Amino acid sequence: MSNQPEQRFDIQRIYTKNISLESPNSPDVFKNMQNPDISVQLSNDSENLEGDIFEVRLRVTLTAEYGEKKTMFLAEVEQAGIFELGGFTDEQLEHMKGAYCPNILFPYVRETLDNLVVRAGFPPVILAPINFDAIFAHRRAQLAEEAANSAETDA
C-alpha cells in the first residue's frame, strides 16, 4: 500500500463569468465583411476558494479587423469552473489548473463565442482546438529560463 493520498477530481460547476461584444463600426461594417483578419488572445488563471476547491478561469478575446485596421467586432468570453482538485502533488495541481481544466472549459468558450458572433450578424467563427498542455509546458519552460537568467545576473 502507498502512503500517497487518493487523487480526487470533480467538476462542481461550469459557468460564464463575463461576456461582451463590441461592433464599433456597425452598421457600415456589414457592407464589407469579406476576409477579416482575426486575432485570438487567451489567458487563464485560478483561485483557491477553500481547501481543495478551485475556480479556474479561461478568457478568450477575438478581434476581427477589416480594411485599414477597422474593427469589425471584438468579442470576449470568460468561462469559469469550480473544480475539486485533491490529493495532487504541487506540480500535478499546477498542471490541472493550467492545462487540464482549461481543456474542459474551452468547448464552452468556443460555443459561446460562435453564438455571440453569429447573433451580432457576422459569419460564424470556429476556433481550432487549442493544446493547453503544450501552452502550459511552454510557459513553464519560459519561467525556468527567466529564473536561470535572473540567477546569472544576480551572481
C-alpha atoms as a PDB file:
ATOM      1  CA  MET A   1       0.000   0.000   0.000  1.00  0.00           C
ATOM      2  CA  SER A   2       1.104   3.510  -0.764  1.00  0.00           C
ATOM      3  CA  ASN A   3       1.018   6.461   1.626  1.00  0.00           C
ATOM      4  CA  GLN A   4       0.119   8.737  -1.253  1.00  0.00           C
ATOM      5  CA  PRO A   5      -3.321  10.372  -0.833  1.00  0.00           C
ATOM      6  CA  GLU A   6      -6.056   9.390  -3.259  1.00  0.00           C
ATOM      7  CA  GLN A   7      -6.485  11.878  -6.080  1.00  0.00           C
ATOM      8  CA  ARG A   8      -9.904  13.491  -6.372  1.00  0.00           C
ATOM      9  CA  PHE A   9     -11.186  15.379  -9.380  1.00  0.00           C
ATOM     10  CA  ASP A  10     -14.719  16.679  -9.632  1.00  0.00           C
ATOM     11  CA  ILE A  11     -16.405  19.339 -11.728  1.00  0.00           C
ATOM     12  CA  GLN A  12     -18.764  21.132  -9.380  1.00  0.00           C
ATOM     13  CA  ARG A  13     -19.958  23.846 -11.751  1.00  0.00           C
ATOM     14  CA  ILE A  14     -19.181  25.396 -15.140  1.00  0.00           C
ATOM     15  CA  TYR A  15     -20.453  28.893 -15.868  1.00  0.00           C
ATOM     16  CA  THR A  16     -19.939  32.000 -17.970  1.00  0.00           C
ATOM     17  CA  LYS A  17     -18.378  34.655 -15.750  1.00  0.00           C
ATOM     18  CA  ASN A  18     -18.136  37.525 -18.243  1.00  0.00           C
ATOM     19  CA  ILE A  19     -19.214  38.089 -21.827  1.00  0.00           C
ATOM     20  CA  SER A  20     -19.045  41.096 -24.145  1.00  0.00           C
ATOM     21  CA  LEU A  21     -19.246  42.035 -27.790  1.00  0.00           C
ATOM     22  CA  GLU A  22     -18.446  45.360 -29.413  1.00  0.00           C
ATOM     23  CA  SER A  23     -19.073  46.295 -33.016  1.00  0.00           C
ATOM     24  CA  PRO A  24     -17.982  49.935 -33.133  1.00  0.00           C
ATOM     25  CA  ASN A  25     -18.298  50.309 -36.909  1.00  0.00           C
ATOM     26  CA  SER A  26     -21.831  48.950 -37.280  1.00  0.00           C
ATOM     27  CA  PRO A  27     -23.795  49.240 -39.493  1.00  0.00           C
ATOM     28  CA  ASP A  28     -21.106  50.279 -42.024  1.00  0.00           C
ATOM     29  CA  VAL A  29     -19.144  47.113 -41.264  1.00  0.00           C
ATOM     30  CA  PHE A  30     -21.861  44.980 -42.888  1.00  0.00           C
ATOM     31  CA  LYS A  31     -21.061  46.481 -46.307  1.00  0.00           C
ATOM     32  CA  ASN A  32     -17.585  44.898 -46.359  1.00  0.00           C
ATOM     33  CA  MET A  33     -17.436  41.642 -44.408  1.00  0.00           C
ATOM     34  CA  GLN A  34     -15.012  39.735 -46.612  1.00  0.00           C
ATOM     35  CA  ASN A  35     -11.798  38.212 -45.304  1.00  0.00           C
ATOM     36  CA  PRO A  36     -11.418  39.821 -41.895  1.00  0.00           C
ATOM     37  CA  ASP A  37      -8.130  39.462 -40.047  1.00  0.00           C
ATOM     38  CA  ILE A  38      -8.986  37.621 -36.847  1.00  0.00           C
ATOM     39  CA  SER A  39      -6.696  37.543 -33.848  1.00  0.00           C
ATOM     40  CA  VAL A  40      -7.211  35.361 -30.800  1.00  0.00           C
ATOM     41  CA  GLN A  41      -5.865  36.087 -27.339  1.00  0.00           C
ATOM     42  CA  LEU A  42      -6.292  33.718 -24.454  1.00  0.00           C
ATOM     43  CA  SER A  43      -5.330  33.564 -20.832  1.00  0.00           C
ATOM     44  CA  ASN A  44      -6.226  31.501 -17.829  1.00  0.00           C
ATOM     45  CA  ASP A  45      -5.820  31.727 -14.104  1.00  0.00           C
ATOM     46  CA  SER A  46      -7.162  30.153 -10.961  1.00  0.00           C
ATOM     47  CA  GLU A  47      -8.047  30.928  -7.390  1.00  0.00           C
ATOM     48  CA  ASN A  48      -8.206  28.671  -4.372  1.00  0.00           C
ATOM     49  CA  LEU A  49     -11.708  29.066  -2.950  1.00  0.00           C
ATOM     50  CA  GLU A  50     -11.414  26.713   0.017  1.00  0.00           C
ATOM     51  CA  GLY A  51      -9.380  23.603   0.742  1.00  0.00           C
ATOM     52  CA  ASP A  52      -9.230  21.533  -2.453  1.00  0.00           C
ATOM     53  CA  ILE A  53     -11.841  23.676  -4.246  1.00  0.00           C
ATOM     54  CA  PHE A  54     -10.568  25.929  -7.049  1.00  0.00           C
ATOM     55  CA  GLU A  55     -12.115  28.327  -9.515  1.00  0.00           C
ATOM     56  CA  VAL A  56     -10.338  28.076 -12.874  1.00  0.00           C
ATOM     57  CA  ARG A  57     -10.996  30.828 -15.440  1.00  0.00           C
ATOM     58  CA  LEU A  58     -10.354  30.849 -19.188  1.00  0.00           C
ATOM     59  CA  ARG A  59     -10.588  34.160 -21.091  1.00  0.00           C
ATOM     60  CA  VAL A  60     -10.650  34.290 -24.880  1.00  0.00           C
ATOM     61  CA  THR A  61     -10.794  37.511 -26.880  1.00  0.00           C
ATOM     62  CA  LEU A  62     -11.482  37.572 -30.621  1.00  0.00           C
ATOM     63  CA  THR A  63     -10.727  40.700 -32.605  1.00  0.00           C
ATOM     64  CA  ALA A  64     -11.819  40.879 -36.252  1.00  0.00           C
ATOM     65  CA  GLU A  65     -10.458  43.714 -38.377  1.00  0.00           C
ATOM     66  CA  TYR A  66     -11.031  44.664 -41.985  1.00  0.00           C
ATOM     67  CA  GLY A  67      -9.773  47.252 -44.440  1.00  0.00           C
ATOM     68  CA  GLU A  68      -7.318  49.643 -42.872  1.00  0.00           C
ATOM     69  CA  LYS A  69      -7.402  48.102 -39.412  1.00  0.00           C
ATOM     70  CA  LYS A  70     -11.035  48.967 -38.739  1.00  0.00           C
ATOM     71  CA  THR A  71     -12.620  46.841 -36.055  1.00  0.00           C
ATOM     72  CA  MET A  72     -15.360  44.565 -37.333  1.00  0.00           C
ATOM     73  CA  PHE A  73     -16.022  43.161 -33.861  1.00  0.00           C
ATOM     74  CA  LEU A  74     -14.368  42.471 -30.548  1.00  0.00           C
ATOM     75  CA  ALA A  75     -15.814  39.516 -28.636  1.00  0.00           C
ATOM     76  CA  GLU A  76     -14.687  38.339 -25.236  1.00  0.00           C
ATOM     77  CA  VAL A  77     -15.780  35.421 -23.071  1.00  0.00           C
ATOM     78  CA  GLU A  78     -14.557  34.439 -19.632  1.00  0.00           C
ATOM     79  CA  GLN A  79     -15.639  30.903 -18.810  1.00  0.00           C
ATOM     80  CA  ALA A  80     -15.083  29.548 -15.323  1.00  0.00           C
ATOM     81  CA  GLY A  81     -15.405  26.305 -13.495  1.00  0.00           C
ATOM     82  CA  ILE A  82     -15.351  25.235  -9.889  1.00  0.00           C
ATOM     83  CA  PHE A  83     -13.274  22.090  -9.537  1.00  0.00           C
ATOM     84  CA  GLU A  84     -12.322  19.836  -6.665  1.00  0.00           C
ATOM     85  CA  LEU A  85      -8.636  19.031  -7.073  1.00  0.00           C
ATOM     86  CA  GLY A  86      -7.455  16.929  -4.149  1.00  0.00           C
ATOM     87  CA  GLY A  87      -4.516  14.656  -3.492  1.00  0.00           C
ATOM     88  CA  PHE A  88      -2.285  16.035  -6.250  1.00  0.00           C
ATOM     89  CA  THR A  89       1.360  16.987  -5.860  1.00  0.00           C
ATOM     90  CA  ASP A  90       2.109  20.702  -6.338  1.00  0.00           C
ATOM     91  CA  GLU A  91       3.369  20.049  -9.862  1.00  0.00           C
ATOM     92  CA  GLN A  92       0.312  17.966 -10.760  1.00  0.00           C
ATOM     93  CA  LEU A  93      -2.001  20.593  -9.266  1.00  0.00           C
ATOM     94  CA  GLU A  94      -0.409  23.338 -11.376  1.00  0.00           C
ATOM     95  CA  HIS A  95      -0.903  21.184 -14.479  1.00  0.00           C
ATOM     96  CA  MET A  96      -4.551  20.531 -13.576  1.00  0.00           C
ATOM     97  CA  LYS A  97      -5.228  24.264 -13.125  1.00  0.00           C
ATOM     98  CA  GLY A  98      -3.098  25.387 -16.073  1.00  0.00           C
ATOM     99  CA  ALA A  99      -3.948  22.778 -18.720  1.00  0.00           C
ATOM    100  CA  TYR A 100      -6.441  20.072 -17.776  1.00  0.00           C
ATOM    101  CA  CYS A 101      -9.244  22.345 -16.526  1.00  0.00           C
ATOM    102  CA  PRO A 102      -8.829  24.890 -19.382  1.00  0.00           C
ATOM    103  CA  ASN A 103      -9.180  21.940 -21.798  1.00  0.00           C
ATOM    104  CA  ILE A 104     -12.546  21.219 -20.171  1.00  0.00           C
ATOM    105  CA  LEU A 105     -13.649  24.880 -20.327  1.00  0.00           C
ATOM    106  CA  PHE A 106     -12.575  25.554 -23.924  1.00  0.00           C
ATOM    107  CA  PRO A 107     -15.516  23.886 -25.742  1.00  0.00           C
ATOM    108  CA  TYR A 108     -17.894  26.087 -23.732  1.00  0.00           C
ATOM    109  CA  VAL A 109     -15.913  29.203 -24.696  1.00  0.00           C
ATOM    110  CA  ARG A 110     -15.832  28.165 -28.354  1.00  0.00           C
ATOM    111  CA  GLU A 111     -19.604  27.602 -28.498  1.00  0.00           C
ATOM    112  CA  THR A 112     -20.400  30.840 -26.639  1.00  0.00           C
ATOM    113  CA  LEU A 113     -18.137  32.944 -28.875  1.00  0.00           C
ATOM    114  CA  ASP A 114     -19.540  31.421 -32.049  1.00  0.00           C
ATOM    115  CA  ASN A 115     -23.110  32.020 -30.875  1.00  0.00           C
ATOM    116  CA  LEU A 116     -22.302  35.592 -29.812  1.00  0.00           C
ATOM    117  CA  VAL A 117     -20.655  36.492 -33.127  1.00  0.00           C
ATOM    118  CA  VAL A 118     -23.480  34.987 -35.216  1.00  0.00           C
ATOM    119  CA  ARG A 119     -26.143  36.777 -33.150  1.00  0.00           C
ATOM    120  CA  ALA A 120     -24.305  40.035 -33.843  1.00  0.00           C
ATOM    121  CA  GLY A 121     -24.823  39.467 -37.579  1.00  0.00           C
ATOM    122  CA  PHE A 122     -21.376  38.184 -38.505  1.00  0.00           C
ATOM    123  CA  PRO A 123     -20.329  34.896 -40.120  1.00  0.00           C
ATOM    124  CA  PRO A 124     -19.509  32.041 -37.724  1.00  0.00           C
ATOM    125  CA  VAL A 125     -16.043  31.914 -36.216  1.00  0.00           C
ATOM    126  CA  ILE A 126     -14.930  28.378 -35.476  1.00  0.00           C
ATOM    127  CA  LEU A 127     -11.929  28.288 -33.193  1.00  0.00           C
ATOM    128  CA  ALA A 128      -9.468  25.483 -33.813  1.00  0.00           C
ATOM    129  CA  PRO A 129      -8.695  23.178 -30.890  1.00  0.00           C
ATOM    130  CA  ILE A 130      -6.029  24.514 -28.553  1.00  0.00           C
ATOM    131  CA  ASN A 131      -3.362  22.333 -26.968  1.00  0.00           C
ATOM    132  CA  PHE A 132      -3.309  23.696 -23.420  1.00  0.00           C
ATOM    133  CA  ASP A 133      -0.781  21.029 -22.412  1.00  0.00           C
ATOM    134  CA  ALA A 134       1.720  22.470 -24.921  1.00  0.00           C
ATOM    135  CA  ILE A 135       0.966  26.043 -23.823  1.00  0.00           C
ATOM    136  CA  PHE A 136       1.440  25.048 -20.181  1.00  0.00           C
ATOM    137  CA  ALA A 137       4.752  23.290 -20.931  1.00  0.00           C
ATOM    138  CA  HIS A 138       5.968  26.279 -22.962  1.00  0.00           C
ATOM    139  CA  ARG A 139       5.048  28.702 -20.164  1.00  0.00           C
ATOM    140  CA  ARG A 140       6.859  26.547 -17.586  1.00  0.00           C
ATOM    141  CA  ALA A 141       9.969  26.433 -19.795  1.00  0.00           C
ATOM    142  CA  GLN A 142       9.869  30.233 -20.175  1.00  0.00           C
ATOM    143  CA  LEU A 143       9.611  30.717 -16.410  1.00  0.00           C
ATOM    144  CA  ALA A 144      12.525  28.320 -15.833  1.00  0.00           C
ATOM    145  CA  GLU A 145      14.623  30.184 -18.403  1.00  0.00           C
ATOM    146  CA  GLU A 146      13.772  33.550 -16.843  1.00  0.00           C
ATOM    147  CA  ALA A 147      14.692  32.210 -13.408  1.00  0.00           C
ATOM    148  CA  ALA A 148      18.018  30.902 -14.746  1.00  0.00           C
ATOM    149  CA  ASN A 149      18.774  34.238 -16.436  1.00  0.00           C
ATOM    150  CA  SER A 150      17.865  36.108 -13.262  1.00  0.00           C
ATOM    151  CA  ALA A 151      20.166  33.870 -11.214  1.00  0.00           C
ATOM    152  CA  GLU A 152      23.029  34.543 -13.666  1.00  0.00           C
ATOM    153  CA  THR A 153      22.604  38.327 -13.457  1.00  0.00           C
ATOM    154  CA  ASP A 154      22.432  38.188  -9.650  1.00  0.00           C
ATOM    155  CA  ALA A 155      25.719  36.255  -9.494  1.00  0.00           C
END
